[in-house]
């Protein structure tokens, strides 16, 4: 079922690219992606003003203080810790929560080269590198 959904999404993407850019549906995937990139680059100047309010802003001292004070106050309230120990405990809790996530990210990073190689093989139609 999922393979059928992916196939239909791919076909829909190819048809959409064909209608918007004129690239034939039988053209290689790289040609379609290149055409989408060229079209996106051309439309960038028109779309940029609409997204200006969503651009990230520089951090200020009040932002940083709030980022430290909120978890610290939460821990003080929940555990009854004195204010001088709350920052250390928050760091320990954050480290303990981040370690499993880091292990998952390392495992995913190991998959990236094989995934890119297979995507390139799919786009070009022949294996890359090893023969």
Protein backbone atom coordinates (compact mmCIF):
# COMPACT_ATOMS: atom_id res chain seq x y z
CA UNK A 1 0.00 0.00 0.00
CA UNK A 2 2.78 2.39 0.92
CA UNK A 3 4.71 1.60 -2.25
CA UNK A 4 1.62 2.44 -4.29
CA UNK A 5 1.26 5.74 -2.46
CA UNK A 6 4.92 6.61 -3.12
CA UNK A 7 4.54 5.66 -6.79
CA UNK A 8 1.42 7.80 -7.17
CA UNK A 9 3.16 10.72 -5.43
CA UNK A 10 6.09 10.37 -7.84
CA UNK A 11 3.77 10.29 -10.86
CA UNK A 12 1.85 13.30 -9.54
CA UNK A 13 5.14 15.17 -9.05
CA UNK A 14 6.26 14.36 -12.60
CA UNK A 15 2.94 15.50 -14.06
CA UNK A 16 3.03 18.70 -12.02
CA UNK A 17 6.59 19.41 -13.23
CA UNK A 18 5.53 18.68 -16.80
CA UNK A 19 2.65 21.14 -16.64
CA UNK A 20 4.53 23.93 -14.87
CA UNK A 21 7.94 23.74 -16.55
CA UNK A 22 7.36 21.86 -19.79
CA UNK A 23 9.88 19.09 -18.98
CA UNK A 24 8.57 15.84 -20.50
CA UNK A 25 7.45 13.19 -18.02
CA UNK A 26 9.87 10.70 -19.63
CA UNK A 27 12.90 12.90 -18.90
CA UNK A 28 15.33 11.81 -16.16
CA UNK A 29 14.49 12.74 -12.60
CA UNK A 30 17.53 15.05 -12.42
CA UNK A 31 16.17 17.10 -15.32
CA UNK A 32 12.84 17.52 -13.54
CA UNK A 33 14.54 18.52 -10.29
CA UNK A 34 16.75 20.98 -12.15
CA UNK A 35 13.69 22.56 -13.76
CA UNK A 36 11.97 22.88 -10.38
CA UNK A 37 15.13 24.53 -8.99
CA UNK A 38 15.27 27.03 -11.85
CA UNK A 39 11.56 27.84 -11.41
CA UNK A 40 11.97 28.22 -7.65
CA UNK A 41 14.95 30.50 -8.12
CA UNK A 42 12.95 32.66 -10.54
CA UNK A 43 10.02 32.92 -8.12
CA UNK A 44 12.23 33.68 -5.12
CA UNK A 45 12.08 37.46 -5.62
CA UNK A 46 8.31 37.38 -5.73
CA UNK A 47 7.88 35.17 -2.66
CA UNK A 48 10.58 36.68 -0.43
CA UNK A 49 8.54 39.68 0.83
CA UNK A 50 5.70 37.38 1.90
CA UNK A 51 8.03 35.33 4.13
CA UNK A 52 9.93 38.27 5.65
CA UNK A 53 7.95 38.26 8.95
CA UNK A 54 8.90 34.60 9.53
CA UNK A 55 12.67 35.10 9.30
CA UNK A 56 14.57 34.25 12.49
CA UNK A 57 15.74 37.16 14.57
CA UNK A 58 18.94 37.51 16.56
CA UNK A 59 18.87 36.34 20.16
CA UNK A 60 18.92 39.03 22.77
CA UNK A 61 19.82 38.84 26.46
CA UNK A 62 16.15 38.62 27.57
CA UNK A 63 15.61 35.65 25.23
CA UNK A 64 18.60 33.80 26.64
CA UNK A 65 17.62 34.58 30.23
CA UNK A 66 14.10 33.30 29.61
CA UNK A 67 15.47 30.11 28.04
CA UNK A 68 17.50 29.44 31.20
CA UNK A 69 15.02 30.75 33.79
CA UNK A 70 11.92 28.84 32.70
CA UNK A 71 13.35 25.29 33.09
CA UNK A 72 15.13 26.37 36.27
CA UNK A 73 11.92 27.73 37.79
CA UNK A 74 10.03 24.62 36.73
CA UNK A 75 12.53 22.36 38.46
CA UNK A 76 12.54 24.53 41.58
CA UNK A 77 8.77 24.35 41.76
CA UNK A 78 8.53 20.60 41.05
CA UNK A 79 11.40 19.37 43.23
CA UNK A 80 11.88 22.06 45.86
CA UNK A 81 15.55 22.54 44.92
CA UNK A 82 17.32 25.72 45.97
CA UNK A 83 17.92 28.21 43.15
CA UNK A 84 21.69 27.59 43.06
CA UNK A 85 21.26 23.85 42.29
CA UNK A 86 18.44 24.09 39.77
CA UNK A 87 20.70 24.96 36.83
CA UNK A 88 22.96 21.95 37.45
CA UNK A 89 19.99 19.61 37.75
CA UNK A 90 18.45 21.04 34.58
CA UNK A 91 21.70 20.39 32.72
CA UNK A 92 21.78 16.79 33.96
CA UNK A 93 18.15 16.22 32.95
CA UNK A 94 18.75 17.74 29.51
CA UNK A 95 21.85 15.59 28.97
CA UNK A 96 19.98 12.45 29.99
CA UNK A 97 17.16 13.28 27.62
CA UNK A 98 19.51 14.15 24.74
CA UNK A 99 21.72 11.02 24.79
CA UNK A 100 19.14 8.60 23.29
CA UNK A 101 18.34 11.18 20.64
CA UNK A 102 22.02 11.53 19.79
CA UNK A 103 22.34 7.75 19.38
CA UNK A 104 19.45 7.76 16.93
CA UNK A 105 20.99 10.68 14.99
CA UNK A 106 24.33 8.85 14.75
CA UNK A 107 22.59 5.74 13.42
CA UNK A 108 20.73 7.84 10.84
CA UNK A 109 23.97 9.59 9.82
CA UNK A 110 25.47 6.19 9.03
CA UNK A 111 22.58 5.52 6.65
CA UNK A 112 23.06 8.74 4.67
CA UNK A 113 25.81 7.60 2.25
CA UNK A 114 23.92 4.46 1.23
CA UNK A 115 20.68 6.41 0.86
CA UNK A 116 22.31 9.07 -1.31
CA UNK A 117 23.95 6.41 -3.47
CA UNK A 118 20.58 4.71 -4.04
CA UNK A 119 18.83 8.02 -4.77
CA UNK A 120 21.52 8.87 -7.31
CA UNK A 121 21.14 5.45 -8.89
CA UNK A 122 17.36 6.01 -9.07
CA UNK A 123 17.76 9.48 -10.57
CA UNK A 124 20.45 8.61 -13.11
CA UNK A 125 19.39 5.05 -13.84
CA UNK A 126 22.76 3.37 -13.25
CA UNK A 127 24.97 2.61 -10.26
CA UNK A 128 27.50 5.20 -9.12
CA UNK A 129 30.98 4.46 -7.79
CA UNK A 130 31.48 0.75 -7.34
CA UNK A 131 31.03 -1.40 -10.43
